[in-house]
Amino acid sequence: MATIEISCIEVWREISNYLDDEITADLRERMEAHFNVCAHCTAIFDGLRNVVHLVGDKEVFQMPEGFEKRLYKRIRKGP
């Protein structure tokens, strides 16, 4: 049986559910086939997976002195 293609938008809509293993086997197969051919979606998935891993790690990182002020200043300044 052939796998029906899935669009990037559909992948983005379901990527969190994919990570949580809360999708059907059919949708998982379609998404995995999409990841095999779409570097952009694969990069998004890898990034999201890394964020979930870091947030769930519970390890605290000490930021350098003044980092918070520099960060907020940069955010307010914009691109």
N, C-alpha and C. Protein backbone atom coordinates (compact mmCIF):
# COMPACT_ATOMS: atom_id res chain seq x y z
N MET A 1 0.84 -1.19 0.00
CA MET A 1 0.00 0.00 0.00
C MET A 1 0.88 1.25 0.00
N ALA A 2 0.63 2.19 -0.88
CA ALA A 2 1.42 3.40 -1.00
C ALA A 2 1.09 4.39 0.11
N THR A 3 2.11 5.12 0.54
CA THR A 3 1.91 6.15 1.55
C THR A 3 1.40 7.41 0.88
N ILE A 4 0.33 7.99 1.41
CA ILE A 4 -0.22 9.23 0.87
C ILE A 4 0.61 10.39 1.40
N GLU A 5 1.02 11.27 0.50
CA GLU A 5 1.86 12.40 0.88
C GLU A 5 1.15 13.31 1.87
N ILE A 6 1.95 14.02 2.65
CA ILE A 6 1.45 14.99 3.62
C ILE A 6 2.20 16.29 3.41
N SER A 7 1.52 17.42 3.57
CA SER A 7 2.15 18.73 3.34
C SER A 7 2.93 19.18 4.57
N CYS A 8 3.80 20.15 4.36
CA CYS A 8 4.56 20.71 5.47
C CYS A 8 3.62 21.31 6.53
N ILE A 9 2.59 21.98 6.09
CA ILE A 9 1.65 22.59 7.04
C ILE A 9 0.99 21.52 7.91
N GLU A 10 0.61 20.41 7.32
CA GLU A 10 0.03 19.32 8.10
C GLU A 10 1.04 18.74 9.08
N VAL A 11 2.28 18.64 8.65
CA VAL A 11 3.34 18.15 9.54
C VAL A 11 3.49 19.10 10.72
N TRP A 12 3.57 20.41 10.45
CA TRP A 12 3.74 21.38 11.54
C TRP A 12 2.57 21.34 12.51
N ARG A 13 1.37 21.12 11.98
CA ARG A 13 0.18 21.05 12.81
C ARG A 13 0.22 19.86 13.77
N GLU A 14 0.84 18.78 13.35
CA GLU A 14 0.83 17.53 14.13
C GLU A 14 2.17 17.19 14.79
N ILE A 15 3.17 18.04 14.63
CA ILE A 15 4.51 17.67 15.08
C ILE A 15 4.59 17.45 16.59
N SER A 16 3.86 18.24 17.35
CA SER A 16 3.84 18.06 18.81
C SER A 16 3.19 16.72 19.17
N ASN A 17 2.10 16.40 18.51
CA ASN A 17 1.44 15.12 18.74
C ASN A 17 2.34 13.96 18.33
N TYR A 18 3.12 14.16 17.28
CA TYR A 18 4.08 13.14 16.84
C TYR A 18 5.11 12.89 17.94
N LEU A 19 5.64 13.96 18.50
CA LEU A 19 6.62 13.82 19.58
C LEU A 19 6.02 13.12 20.80
N ASP A 20 4.76 13.40 21.08
CA ASP A 20 4.08 12.80 22.24
C ASP A 20 3.52 11.42 21.94
N ASP A 21 3.73 10.93 20.72
CA ASP A 21 3.22 9.63 20.28
C ASP A 21 1.70 9.55 20.41
N GLU A 22 1.04 10.64 20.00
CA GLU A 22 -0.41 10.72 20.09
C GLU A 22 -1.06 10.87 18.72
N ILE A 23 -0.54 10.11 17.75
CA ILE A 23 -1.11 10.11 16.41
C ILE A 23 -1.32 8.66 15.97
N THR A 24 -2.09 8.52 14.93
CA THR A 24 -2.36 7.18 14.41
C THR A 24 -1.10 6.63 13.73
N ALA A 25 -1.07 5.33 13.58
CA ALA A 25 0.06 4.68 12.90
C ALA A 25 0.17 5.17 11.46
N ASP A 26 -0.97 5.40 10.81
CA ASP A 26 -0.98 5.88 9.43
C ASP A 26 -0.36 7.27 9.34
N LEU A 27 -0.77 8.16 10.24
CA LEU A 27 -0.22 9.52 10.22
C LEU A 27 1.28 9.49 10.55
N ARG A 28 1.70 8.66 11.48
CA ARG A 28 3.12 8.53 11.82
C ARG A 28 3.91 8.11 10.57
N GLU A 29 3.39 7.14 9.84
CA GLU A 29 4.07 6.66 8.63
C GLU A 29 4.18 7.78 7.59
N ARG A 30 3.10 8.54 7.42
CA ARG A 30 3.11 9.64 6.46
C ARG A 30 4.10 10.74 6.86
N MET A 31 4.14 11.04 8.17
CA MET A 31 5.06 12.08 8.65
C MET A 31 6.51 11.62 8.50
N GLU A 32 6.79 10.38 8.82
CA GLU A 32 8.14 9.86 8.69
C GLU A 32 8.60 9.84 7.23
N ALA A 33 7.68 9.52 6.33
CA ALA A 33 8.01 9.57 4.90
C ALA A 33 8.32 11.02 4.49
N HIS A 34 7.57 11.96 5.05
CA HIS A 34 7.80 13.38 4.75
C HIS A 34 9.16 13.82 5.30
N PHE A 35 9.50 13.42 6.52
CA PHE A 35 10.80 13.78 7.10
C PHE A 35 11.95 13.24 6.25
N ASN A 36 11.75 12.11 5.61
CA ASN A 36 12.79 11.52 4.76
C ASN A 36 13.12 12.35 3.53
N VAL A 37 12.18 13.21 3.11
CA VAL A 37 12.40 13.99 1.89
C VAL A 37 12.40 15.51 2.11
N CYS A 38 12.03 15.96 3.29
CA CYS A 38 11.92 17.41 3.54
C CYS A 38 12.91 17.84 4.62
N ALA A 39 14.00 18.46 4.18
CA ALA A 39 15.03 18.90 5.12
C ALA A 39 14.52 19.99 6.06
N HIS A 40 13.63 20.85 5.57
CA HIS A 40 13.10 21.94 6.40
C HIS A 40 12.29 21.39 7.57
N CYS A 41 11.37 20.49 7.30
CA CYS A 41 10.56 19.91 8.37
C CYS A 41 11.40 19.06 9.32
N THR A 42 12.41 18.39 8.77
CA THR A 42 13.31 17.60 9.61
C THR A 42 14.07 18.52 10.57
N ALA A 43 14.50 19.67 10.09
CA ALA A 43 15.20 20.63 10.95
C ALA A 43 14.28 21.17 12.04
N ILE A 44 13.04 21.46 11.68
CA ILE A 44 12.06 21.92 12.67
C ILE A 44 11.83 20.83 13.72
N PHE A 45 11.66 19.61 13.27
CA PHE A 45 11.46 18.49 14.19
C PHE A 45 12.66 18.32 15.12
N ASP A 46 13.86 18.33 14.58
CA ASP A 46 15.07 18.17 15.39
C ASP A 46 15.18 19.29 16.42
N GLY A 47 14.89 20.52 16.01
CA GLY A 47 14.94 21.65 16.93
C GLY A 47 13.93 21.52 18.05
N LEU A 48 12.70 21.15 17.70
CA LEU A 48 11.65 20.98 18.71
C LEU A 48 12.01 19.86 19.67
N ARG A 49 12.51 18.77 19.14
CA ARG A 49 12.90 17.64 19.98
C ARG A 49 14.01 18.05 20.95
N ASN A 50 14.96 18.86 20.49
CA ASN A 50 16.04 19.34 21.35
C ASN A 50 15.51 20.26 22.45
N VAL A 51 14.57 21.14 22.11
CA VAL A 51 13.98 22.02 23.11
C VAL A 51 13.25 21.21 24.17
N VAL A 52 12.47 20.24 23.74
CA VAL A 52 11.74 19.39 24.70
C VAL A 52 12.73 18.66 25.61
N HIS A 53 13.80 18.18 25.04
CA HIS A 53 14.82 17.48 25.84
C HIS A 53 15.46 18.42 26.85
N LEU A 54 15.82 19.63 26.42
CA LEU A 54 16.46 20.59 27.32
C LEU A 54 15.52 21.04 28.43
N VAL A 55 14.27 21.31 28.10
CA VAL A 55 13.30 21.75 29.10
C VAL A 55 13.02 20.64 30.10
N GLY A 56 12.96 19.42 29.63
CA GLY A 56 12.68 18.29 30.51
C GLY A 56 13.88 17.82 31.30
N ASP A 57 15.06 18.35 31.00
CA ASP A 57 16.29 17.91 31.65
C ASP A 57 16.38 18.32 33.11
N LYS A 58 15.78 19.43 33.48
CA LYS A 58 15.78 19.96 34.84
C LYS A 58 17.15 20.46 35.30
N GLU A 59 18.12 20.46 34.39
CA GLU A 59 19.43 21.00 34.74
C GLU A 59 19.38 22.52 34.57
N VAL A 60 19.92 23.25 35.52
CA VAL A 60 19.89 24.70 35.49
C VAL A 60 21.24 25.20 34.99
N PHE A 61 21.18 26.12 34.04
CA PHE A 61 22.39 26.72 33.50
C PHE A 61 22.54 28.13 34.05
N GLN A 62 23.69 28.43 34.56
CA GLN A 62 23.97 29.77 35.08
C GLN A 62 24.31 30.69 33.90
N MET A 63 23.58 31.78 33.76
CA MET A 63 23.84 32.73 32.69
C MET A 63 24.93 33.71 33.13
N PRO A 64 25.73 34.20 32.18
CA PRO A 64 26.78 35.17 32.52
C PRO A 64 26.20 36.45 33.08
N GLU A 65 26.98 37.13 33.88
CA GLU A 65 26.59 38.42 34.48
C GLU A 65 26.12 39.38 33.39
N GLY A 66 24.96 39.98 33.57
CA GLY A 66 24.42 40.97 32.65
C GLY A 66 23.74 40.40 31.42
N PHE A 67 23.68 39.08 31.29
CA PHE A 67 23.09 38.46 30.10
C PHE A 67 21.63 38.87 29.93
N GLU A 68 20.87 38.82 31.02
CA GLU A 68 19.44 39.13 30.93
C GLU A 68 19.20 40.54 30.42
N LYS A 69 19.94 41.52 30.93
CA LYS A 69 19.78 42.91 30.48
C LYS A 69 20.14 43.05 29.00
N ARG A 70 21.25 42.41 28.58
CA ARG A 70 21.64 42.48 27.17
C ARG A 70 20.60 41.82 26.28
N LEU A 71 20.03 40.71 26.72
CA LEU A 71 19.02 40.00 25.95
C LEU A 71 17.79 40.87 25.75
N TYR A 72 17.26 41.44 26.84
CA TYR A 72 16.07 42.28 26.73
C TYR A 72 16.33 43.53 25.89
N LYS A 73 17.54 44.09 26.01
CA LYS A 73 17.88 45.27 25.19
C LYS A 73 17.88 44.88 23.72
N ARG A 74 18.44 43.74 23.39
CA ARG A 74 18.49 43.26 22.00
C ARG A 74 17.07 42.99 21.47
N ILE A 75 16.22 42.40 22.30
CA ILE A 75 14.84 42.10 21.88
C ILE A 75 14.09 43.39 21.59
N ARG A 76 14.24 44.38 22.47
CA ARG A 76 13.55 45.66 22.28
C ARG A 76 14.04 46.40 21.03
N LYS A 77 15.33 46.25 20.73
CA LYS A 77 15.92 46.92 19.57
C LYS A 77 15.36 46.36 18.26
N GLY A 78 15.15 45.05 18.23
CA GLY A 78 14.63 44.42 17.02
C GLY A 78 15.74 44.10 16.03
N PRO A 79 15.34 43.60 14.86
CA PRO A 79 16.34 43.19 13.86
C PRO A 79 17.13 44.31 13.26
